[in-house]
Amino acid sequence: FIKEREILTQKDIMDYHLMLGFRLVEGF
């Protein structure tokens, strides 16, 4: 089933929070 796994550090999770959250027009 699984091809790739990315184990996230807290910095990674925060980066994703920003990258995805800024897609929202009202932000986060």
PDB file of all heavy atoms in Angstrom:
ATOM      1  N   PHE A   1       0.794  -1.219   0.000  1.00  0.00           N
ATOM      2  CA  PHE A   1       0.000   0.000   0.000  1.00  0.00           C
ATOM      3  C   PHE A   1       0.838   1.286   0.000  1.00  0.00           C
ATOM      4  O   PHE A   1       0.732   2.104  -0.904  1.00  0.00           O
ATOM      5  CB  PHE A   1      -0.946   0.013   1.204  1.00  0.00           C
ATOM      6  CG  PHE A   1      -1.909  -1.134   1.228  1.00  0.00           C
ATOM      7  CD1 PHE A   1      -2.061  -1.918   2.367  1.00  0.00           C
ATOM      8  CD2 PHE A   1      -2.675  -1.448   0.112  1.00  0.00           C
ATOM      9  CE1 PHE A   1      -2.954  -2.972   2.398  1.00  0.00           C
ATOM     10  CE2 PHE A   1      -3.567  -2.509   0.125  1.00  0.00           C
ATOM     11  CZ  PHE A   1      -3.703  -3.271   1.277  1.00  0.00           C
ATOM     12  N   ILE A   2       1.656   1.459   1.012  1.00  0.00           N
ATOM     13  CA  ILE A   2       2.301   2.761   1.208  1.00  0.00           C
ATOM     14  C   ILE A   2       3.620   2.865   0.453  1.00  0.00           C
ATOM     15  O   ILE A   2       4.493   2.003   0.558  1.00  0.00           O
ATOM     16  CB  ILE A   2       2.513   3.032   2.717  1.00  0.00           C
ATOM     17  CG1 ILE A   2       1.153   3.110   3.423  1.00  0.00           C
ATOM     18  CG2 ILE A   2       3.304   4.324   2.933  1.00  0.00           C
ATOM     19  CD1 ILE A   2       1.234   3.343   4.910  1.00  0.00           C
ATOM     20  N   LYS A   3       3.736   3.947  -0.313  1.00  0.00           N
ATOM     21  CA  LYS A   3       4.953   4.214  -1.086  1.00  0.00           C
ATOM     22  C   LYS A   3       5.920   5.103  -0.310  1.00  0.00           C
ATOM     23  O   LYS A   3       7.126   4.865  -0.288  1.00  0.00           O
ATOM     24  CB  LYS A   3       4.575   4.894  -2.411  1.00  0.00           C
ATOM     25  CG  LYS A   3       5.775   5.288  -3.271  1.00  0.00           C
ATOM     26  CD  LYS A   3       5.321   6.105  -4.472  1.00  0.00           C
ATOM     27  CE  LYS A   3       6.522   6.574  -5.284  1.00  0.00           C
ATOM     28  NZ  LYS A   3       6.114   7.470  -6.395  1.00  0.00           N
ATOM     29  N   GLU A   4       5.404   6.143   0.339  1.00  0.00           N
ATOM     30  CA  GLU A   4       6.263   7.110   1.031  1.00  0.00           C
ATOM     31  C   GLU A   4       5.691   7.447   2.406  1.00  0.00           C
ATOM     32  O   GLU A   4       4.478   7.582   2.563  1.00  0.00           O
ATOM     33  CB  GLU A   4       6.379   8.412   0.229  1.00  0.00           C
ATOM     34  CG  GLU A   4       7.022   8.241  -1.131  1.00  0.00           C
ATOM     35  CD  GLU A   4       6.985   9.521  -1.954  1.00  0.00           C
ATOM     36  OE1 GLU A   4       6.408  10.518  -1.453  1.00  0.00           O
ATOM     37  OE2 GLU A   4       7.515   9.526  -3.067  1.00  0.00           O
ATOM     38  N   ARG A   5       6.583   7.595   3.377  1.00  0.00           N
ATOM     39  CA  ARG A   5       6.204   8.052   4.723  1.00  0.00           C
ATOM     40  C   ARG A   5       7.105   9.212   5.106  1.00  0.00           C
ATOM     41  O   ARG A   5       8.316   9.146   4.933  1.00  0.00           O
ATOM     42  CB  ARG A   5       6.398   6.938   5.752  1.00  0.00           C
ATOM     43  CG  ARG A   5       5.215   6.022   5.949  1.00  0.00           C
ATOM     44  CD  ARG A   5       5.428   5.195   7.223  1.00  0.00           C
ATOM     45  NE  ARG A   5       4.354   4.239   7.431  1.00  0.00           N
ATOM     46  CZ  ARG A   5       4.386   2.991   7.011  1.00  0.00           C
ATOM     47  NH1 ARG A   5       5.438   2.557   6.346  1.00  0.00           N
ATOM     48  NH2 ARG A   5       3.380   2.166   7.242  1.00  0.00           N
ATOM     49  N   GLU A   6       6.527  10.269   5.639  1.00  0.00           N
ATOM     50  CA  GLU A   6       7.294  11.403   6.131  1.00  0.00           C
ATOM     51  C   GLU A   6       6.961  11.585   7.608  1.00  0.00           C
ATOM     52  O   GLU A   6       5.851  11.979   7.962  1.00  0.00           O
ATOM     53  CB  GLU A   6       6.932  12.675   5.345  1.00  0.00           C
ATOM     54  CG  GLU A   6       7.704  13.901   5.793  1.00  0.00           C
ATOM     55  CD  GLU A   6       7.218  15.183   5.122  1.00  0.00           C
ATOM     56  OE1 GLU A   6       6.187  15.142   4.415  1.00  0.00           O
ATOM     57  OE2 GLU A   6       7.867  16.223   5.329  1.00  0.00           O
ATOM     58  N   ILE A   7       7.918  11.252   8.484  1.00  0.00           N
ATOM     59  CA  ILE A   7       7.730  11.427   9.924  1.00  0.00           C
ATOM     60  C   ILE A   7       8.065  12.875  10.252  1.00  0.00           C
ATOM     61  O   ILE A   7       9.185  13.329  10.036  1.00  0.00           O
ATOM     62  CB  ILE A   7       8.623  10.463  10.722  1.00  0.00           C
ATOM     63  CG1 ILE A   7       8.285   9.009  10.343  1.00  0.00           C
ATOM     64  CG2 ILE A   7       8.429  10.668  12.228  1.00  0.00           C
ATOM     65  CD1 ILE A   7       9.217   7.985  10.962  1.00  0.00           C
ATOM     66  N   LEU A   8       7.094  13.609  10.753  1.00  0.00           N
ATOM     67  CA  LEU A   8       7.229  15.051  10.906  1.00  0.00           C
ATOM     68  C   LEU A   8       7.809  15.458  12.252  1.00  0.00           C
ATOM     69  O   LEU A   8       7.413  14.934  13.296  1.00  0.00           O
ATOM     70  CB  LEU A   8       5.861  15.721  10.728  1.00  0.00           C
ATOM     71  CG  LEU A   8       5.112  15.418   9.435  1.00  0.00           C
ATOM     72  CD1 LEU A   8       3.792  16.180   9.420  1.00  0.00           C
ATOM     73  CD2 LEU A   8       5.929  15.776   8.213  1.00  0.00           C
ATOM     74  N   THR A   9       8.735  16.407  12.215  1.00  0.00           N
ATOM     75  CA  THR A   9       9.186  17.075  13.428  1.00  0.00           C
ATOM     76  C   THR A   9       8.178  18.174  13.757  1.00  0.00           C
ATOM     77  O   THR A   9       7.298  18.488  12.948  1.00  0.00           O
ATOM     78  CB  THR A   9      10.561  17.714  13.209  1.00  0.00           C
ATOM     79  OG1 THR A   9      10.428  18.752  12.214  1.00  0.00           O
ATOM     80  CG2 THR A   9      11.587  16.686  12.737  1.00  0.00           C
ATOM     81  N   GLN A  10       8.321  18.785  14.946  1.00  0.00           N
ATOM     82  CA  GLN A  10       7.415  19.893  15.264  1.00  0.00           C
ATOM     83  C   GLN A  10       7.578  21.024  14.266  1.00  0.00           C
ATOM     84  O   GLN A  10       6.596  21.656  13.876  1.00  0.00           O
ATOM     85  CB  GLN A  10       7.655  20.412  16.683  1.00  0.00           C
ATOM     86  CG  GLN A  10       6.806  21.643  16.993  1.00  0.00           C
ATOM     87  CD  GLN A  10       6.473  21.832  18.447  1.00  0.00           C
ATOM     88  OE1 GLN A  10       5.971  20.924  19.085  1.00  0.00           O
ATOM     89  NE2 GLN A  10       6.753  23.017  18.964  1.00  0.00           N
ATOM     90  N   LYS A  11       8.824  21.297  13.830  1.00  0.00           N
ATOM     91  CA  LYS A  11       9.062  22.344  12.826  1.00  0.00           C
ATOM     92  C   LYS A  11       8.323  22.012  11.531  1.00  0.00           C
ATOM     93  O   LYS A  11       7.709  22.890  10.901  1.00  0.00           O
ATOM     94  CB  LYS A  11      10.566  22.478  12.570  1.00  0.00           C
ATOM     95  CG  LYS A  11      10.941  23.465  11.454  1.00  0.00           C
ATOM     96  CD  LYS A  11      10.516  24.887  11.786  1.00  0.00           C
ATOM     97  CE  LYS A  11      11.207  25.919  10.894  1.00  0.00           C
ATOM     98  NZ  LYS A  11      10.973  25.736   9.450  1.00  0.00           N
ATOM     99  N   ASP A  12       8.365  20.748  11.107  1.00  0.00           N
ATOM    100  CA  ASP A  12       7.644  20.332   9.894  1.00  0.00           C
ATOM    101  C   ASP A  12       6.145  20.598  10.037  1.00  0.00           C
ATOM    102  O   ASP A  12       5.496  21.115   9.126  1.00  0.00           O
ATOM    103  CB  ASP A  12       7.850  18.835   9.619  1.00  0.00           C
ATOM    104  CG  ASP A  12       9.279  18.479   9.287  1.00  0.00           C
ATOM    105  OD1 ASP A  12       9.989  19.330   8.713  1.00  0.00           O
ATOM    106  OD2 ASP A  12       9.685  17.341   9.592  1.00  0.00           O
ATOM    107  N   ILE A  13       5.604  20.235  11.200  1.00  0.00           N
ATOM    108  CA  ILE A  13       4.164  20.396  11.426  1.00  0.00           C
ATOM    109  C   ILE A  13       3.782  21.872  11.390  1.00  0.00           C
ATOM    110  O   ILE A  13       2.765  22.262  10.813  1.00  0.00           O
ATOM    111  CB  ILE A  13       3.745  19.740  12.757  1.00  0.00           C
ATOM    112  CG1 ILE A  13       3.970  18.230  12.692  1.00  0.00           C
ATOM    113  CG2 ILE A  13       2.273  20.026  13.058  1.00  0.00           C
ATOM    114  CD1 ILE A  13       3.835  17.522  14.032  1.00  0.00           C
ATOM    115  N   MET A  14       4.625  22.706  11.999  1.00  0.00           N
ATOM    116  CA  MET A  14       4.366  24.150  11.969  1.00  0.00           C
ATOM    117  C   MET A  14       4.444  24.684  10.545  1.00  0.00           C
ATOM    118  O   MET A  14       3.623  25.517  10.136  1.00  0.00           O
ATOM    119  CB  MET A  14       5.357  24.879  12.870  1.00  0.00           C
ATOM    120  CG  MET A  14       5.131  24.661  14.353  1.00  0.00           C
ATOM    121  SD  MET A  14       6.085  25.795  15.420  1.00  0.00           S
ATOM    122  CE  MET A  14       7.757  25.335  15.015  1.00  0.00           C
ATOM    123  N   ASP A  15       5.417  24.214   9.775  1.00  0.00           N
ATOM    124  CA  ASP A  15       5.543  24.648   8.378  1.00  0.00           C
ATOM    125  C   ASP A  15       4.286  24.295   7.585  1.00  0.00           C
ATOM    126  O   ASP A  15       3.771  25.104   6.812  1.00  0.00           O
ATOM    127  CB  ASP A  15       6.765  24.018   7.722  1.00  0.00           C
ATOM    128  CG  ASP A  15       8.085  24.611   8.201  1.00  0.00           C
ATOM    129  OD1 ASP A  15       8.044  25.625   8.936  1.00  0.00           O
ATOM    130  OD2 ASP A  15       9.145  24.070   7.840  1.00  0.00           O
ATOM    131  N   TYR A  16       3.795  23.065   7.782  1.00  0.00           N
ATOM    132  CA  TYR A  16       2.564  22.657   7.097  1.00  0.00           C
ATOM    133  C   TYR A  16       1.393  23.525   7.542  1.00  0.00           C
ATOM    134  O   TYR A  16       0.531  23.886   6.732  1.00  0.00           O
ATOM    135  CB  TYR A  16       2.256  21.181   7.375  1.00  0.00           C
ATOM    136  CG  TYR A  16       2.932  20.217   6.439  1.00  0.00           C
ATOM    137  CD1 TYR A  16       3.940  19.352   6.890  1.00  0.00           C
ATOM    138  CD2 TYR A  16       2.568  20.141   5.098  1.00  0.00           C
ATOM    139  CE1 TYR A  16       4.551  18.452   6.024  1.00  0.00           C
ATOM    140  CE2 TYR A  16       3.174  19.245   4.240  1.00  0.00           C
ATOM    141  CZ  TYR A  16       4.165  18.406   4.703  1.00  0.00           C
ATOM    142  OH  TYR A  16       4.772  17.522   3.851  1.00  0.00           O
ATOM    143  N   HIS A  17       1.351  23.833   8.843  1.00  0.00           N
ATOM    144  CA  HIS A  17       0.274  24.685   9.376  1.00  0.00           C
ATOM    145  C   HIS A  17       0.250  26.020   8.637  1.00  0.00           C
ATOM    146  O   HIS A  17      -0.821  26.514   8.241  1.00  0.00           O
ATOM    147  CB  HIS A  17       0.497  24.903  10.876  1.00  0.00           C
ATOM    148  CG  HIS A  17      -0.679  25.464  11.595  1.00  0.00           C
ATOM    149  ND1 HIS A  17      -1.217  24.879  12.705  1.00  0.00           N
ATOM    150  CD2 HIS A  17      -1.449  26.572  11.369  1.00  0.00           C
ATOM    151  CE1 HIS A  17      -2.253  25.583  13.132  1.00  0.00           C
ATOM    152  NE2 HIS A  17      -2.402  26.629  12.336  1.00  0.00           N
ATOM    153  N   LEU A  18       1.432  26.592   8.420  1.00  0.00           N
ATOM    154  CA  LEU A  18       1.516  27.864   7.695  1.00  0.00           C
ATOM    155  C   LEU A  18       1.147  27.699   6.224  1.00  0.00           C
ATOM    156  O   LEU A  18       0.319  28.440   5.688  1.00  0.00           O
ATOM    157  CB  LEU A  18       2.930  28.444   7.803  1.00  0.00           C
ATOM    158  CG  LEU A  18       3.111  29.553   8.843  1.00  0.00           C
ATOM    159  CD1 LEU A  18       3.045  28.984  10.253  1.00  0.00           C
ATOM    160  CD2 LEU A  18       4.430  30.277   8.630  1.00  0.00           C
ATOM    161  N   MET A  19       1.769  26.724   5.566  1.00  0.00           N
ATOM    162  CA  MET A  19       1.555  26.558   4.123  1.00  0.00           C
ATOM    163  C   MET A  19       0.091  26.294   3.796  1.00  0.00           C
ATOM    164  O   MET A  19      -0.451  26.835   2.825  1.00  0.00           O
ATOM    165  CB  MET A  19       2.423  25.420   3.586  1.00  0.00           C
ATOM    166  CG  MET A  19       3.901  25.751   3.548  1.00  0.00           C
ATOM    167  SD  MET A  19       4.878  24.470   2.706  1.00  0.00           S
ATOM    168  CE  MET A  19       4.730  23.092   3.852  1.00  0.00           C
ATOM    169  N   LEU A  20      -0.543  25.467   4.604  1.00  0.00           N
ATOM    170  CA  LEU A  20      -1.947  25.139   4.361  1.00  0.00           C
ATOM    171  C   LEU A  20      -2.863  26.241   4.868  1.00  0.00           C
ATOM    172  O   LEU A  20      -3.839  26.608   4.205  1.00  0.00           O
ATOM    173  CB  LEU A  20      -2.285  23.801   5.042  1.00  0.00           C
ATOM    174  CG  LEU A  20      -1.543  22.591   4.484  1.00  0.00           C
ATOM    175  CD1 LEU A  20      -1.703  21.384   5.408  1.00  0.00           C
ATOM    176  CD2 LEU A  20      -2.039  22.248   3.088  1.00  0.00           C
ATOM    177  N   GLY A  21      -2.540  26.787   6.038  1.00  0.00           N
ATOM    178  CA  GLY A  21      -3.381  27.819   6.630  1.00  0.00           C
ATOM    179  C   GLY A  21      -3.454  29.083   5.799  1.00  0.00           C
ATOM    180  O   GLY A  21      -4.493  29.762   5.757  1.00  0.00           O
ATOM    181  N   PHE A  22      -2.360  29.413   5.114  1.00  0.00           N
ATOM    182  CA  PHE A  22      -2.354  30.607   4.282  1.00  0.00           C
ATOM    183  C   PHE A  22      -3.124  30.405   2.974  1.00  0.00           C
ATOM    184  O   PHE A  22      -3.355  31.359   2.240  1.00  0.00           O
ATOM    185  CB  PHE A  22      -0.931  31.073   3.996  1.00  0.00           C
ATOM    186  CG  PHE A  22      -0.336  31.899   5.104  1.00  0.00           C
ATOM    187  CD1 PHE A  22       0.940  31.657   5.571  1.00  0.00           C
ATOM    188  CD2 PHE A  22      -1.069  32.925   5.697  1.00  0.00           C
ATOM    189  CE1 PHE A  22       1.487  32.423   6.595  1.00  0.00           C
ATOM    190  CE2 PHE A  22      -0.542  33.696   6.725  1.00  0.00           C
ATOM    191  CZ  PHE A  22       0.740  33.441   7.173  1.00  0.00           C
ATOM    192  N   ARG A  23      -3.519  29.180   2.665  1.00  0.00           N
ATOM    193  CA  ARG A  23      -4.424  28.963   1.529  1.00  0.00           C
ATOM    194  C   ARG A  23      -5.828  29.488   1.846  1.00  0.00           C
ATOM    195  O   ARG A  23      -6.591  29.818   0.939  1.00  0.00           O
ATOM    196  CB  ARG A  23      -4.499  27.481   1.151  1.00  0.00           C
ATOM    197  CG  ARG A  23      -3.241  26.934   0.500  1.00  0.00           C
ATOM    198  CD  ARG A  23      -3.491  25.567  -0.115  1.00  0.00           C
ATOM    199  NE  ARG A  23      -4.470  25.655  -1.194  1.00  0.00           N
ATOM    200  CZ  ARG A  23      -4.176  25.901  -2.460  1.00  0.00           C
ATOM    201  NH1 ARG A  23      -2.933  26.110  -2.823  1.00  0.00           N
ATOM    202  NH2 ARG A  23      -5.128  25.956  -3.377  1.00  0.00           N
ATOM    203  N   LEU A  24      -6.146  29.533   3.143  1.00  0.00           N
ATOM    204  CA  LEU A  24      -7.440  30.074   3.557  1.00  0.00           C
ATOM    205  C   LEU A  24      -7.396  31.594   3.470  1.00  0.00           C
ATOM    206  O   LEU A  24      -6.457  32.217   3.973  1.00  0.00           O
ATOM    207  CB  LEU A  24      -7.776  29.632   4.980  1.00  0.00           C
ATOM    208  CG  LEU A  24      -7.999  28.127   5.158  1.00  0.00           C
ATOM    209  CD1 LEU A  24      -8.072  27.771   6.630  1.00  0.00           C
ATOM    210  CD2 LEU A  24      -9.269  27.694   4.436  1.00  0.00           C
ATOM    211  N   VAL A  25      -8.392  32.173   2.842  1.00  0.00           N
ATOM    212  CA  VAL A  25      -8.403  33.622   2.628  1.00  0.00           C
ATOM    213  C   VAL A  25      -8.372  34.371   3.957  1.00  0.00           C
ATOM    214  O   VAL A  25      -7.733  35.424   4.070  1.00  0.00           O
ATOM    215  CB  VAL A  25      -9.632  34.026   1.780  1.00  0.00           C
ATOM    216  CG1 VAL A  25      -9.727  35.538   1.642  1.00  0.00           C
ATOM    217  CG2 VAL A  25      -9.541  33.377   0.395  1.00  0.00           C
ATOM    218  N   GLU A  26      -9.029  33.824   4.978  1.00  0.00           N
ATOM    219  CA  GLU A  26      -9.037  34.462   6.295  1.00  0.00           C
ATOM    220  C   GLU A  26      -7.847  34.043   7.160  1.00  0.00           C
ATOM    221  O   GLU A  26      -7.707  34.482   8.304  1.00  0.00           O
ATOM    222  CB  GLU A  26     -10.344  34.138   7.017  1.00  0.00           C
ATOM    223  CG  GLU A  26     -11.565  34.747   6.322  1.00  0.00           C
ATOM    224  CD  GLU A  26     -12.867  34.371   6.996  1.00  0.00           C
ATOM    225  OE1 GLU A  26     -12.821  33.586   7.978  1.00  0.00           O
ATOM    226  OE2 GLU A  26     -13.925  34.845   6.556  1.00  0.00           O
ATOM    227  N   GLY A  27      -6.975  33.179   6.628  1.00  0.00           N
ATOM    228  CA  GLY A  27      -5.779  32.780   7.342  1.00  0.00           C
ATOM    229  C   GLY A  27      -6.050  31.930   8.565  1.00  0.00           C
ATOM    230  O   GLY A  27      -6.998  31.146   8.594  1.00  0.00           O
ATOM    231  N   PHE A  28      -5.226  32.088   9.590  1.00  0.00           N
ATOM    232  CA  PHE A  28      -5.370  31.277  10.796  1.00  0.00           C
ATOM    233  C   PHE A  28      -5.110  32.118  12.034  1.00  0.00           C
ATOM    234  O   PHE A  28      -4.484  33.186  11.977  1.00  0.00           O
ATOM    235  CB  PHE A  28      -4.435  30.068  10.754  1.00  0.00           C
ATOM    236  CG  PHE A  28      -2.974  30.420  10.642  1.00  0.00           C
ATOM    237  CD1 PHE A  28      -2.193  30.614  11.767  1.00  0.00           C
ATOM    238  CD2 PHE A  28      -2.373  30.553   9.389  1.00  0.00           C
ATOM    239  CE1 PHE A  28      -0.851  30.934  11.665  1.00  0.00           C
ATOM    240  CE2 PHE A  28      -1.026  30.879   9.275  1.00  0.00           C
ATOM    241  CZ  PHE A  28      -0.256  31.070  10.420  1.00  0.00           C
TER     242      PHE A  28
END
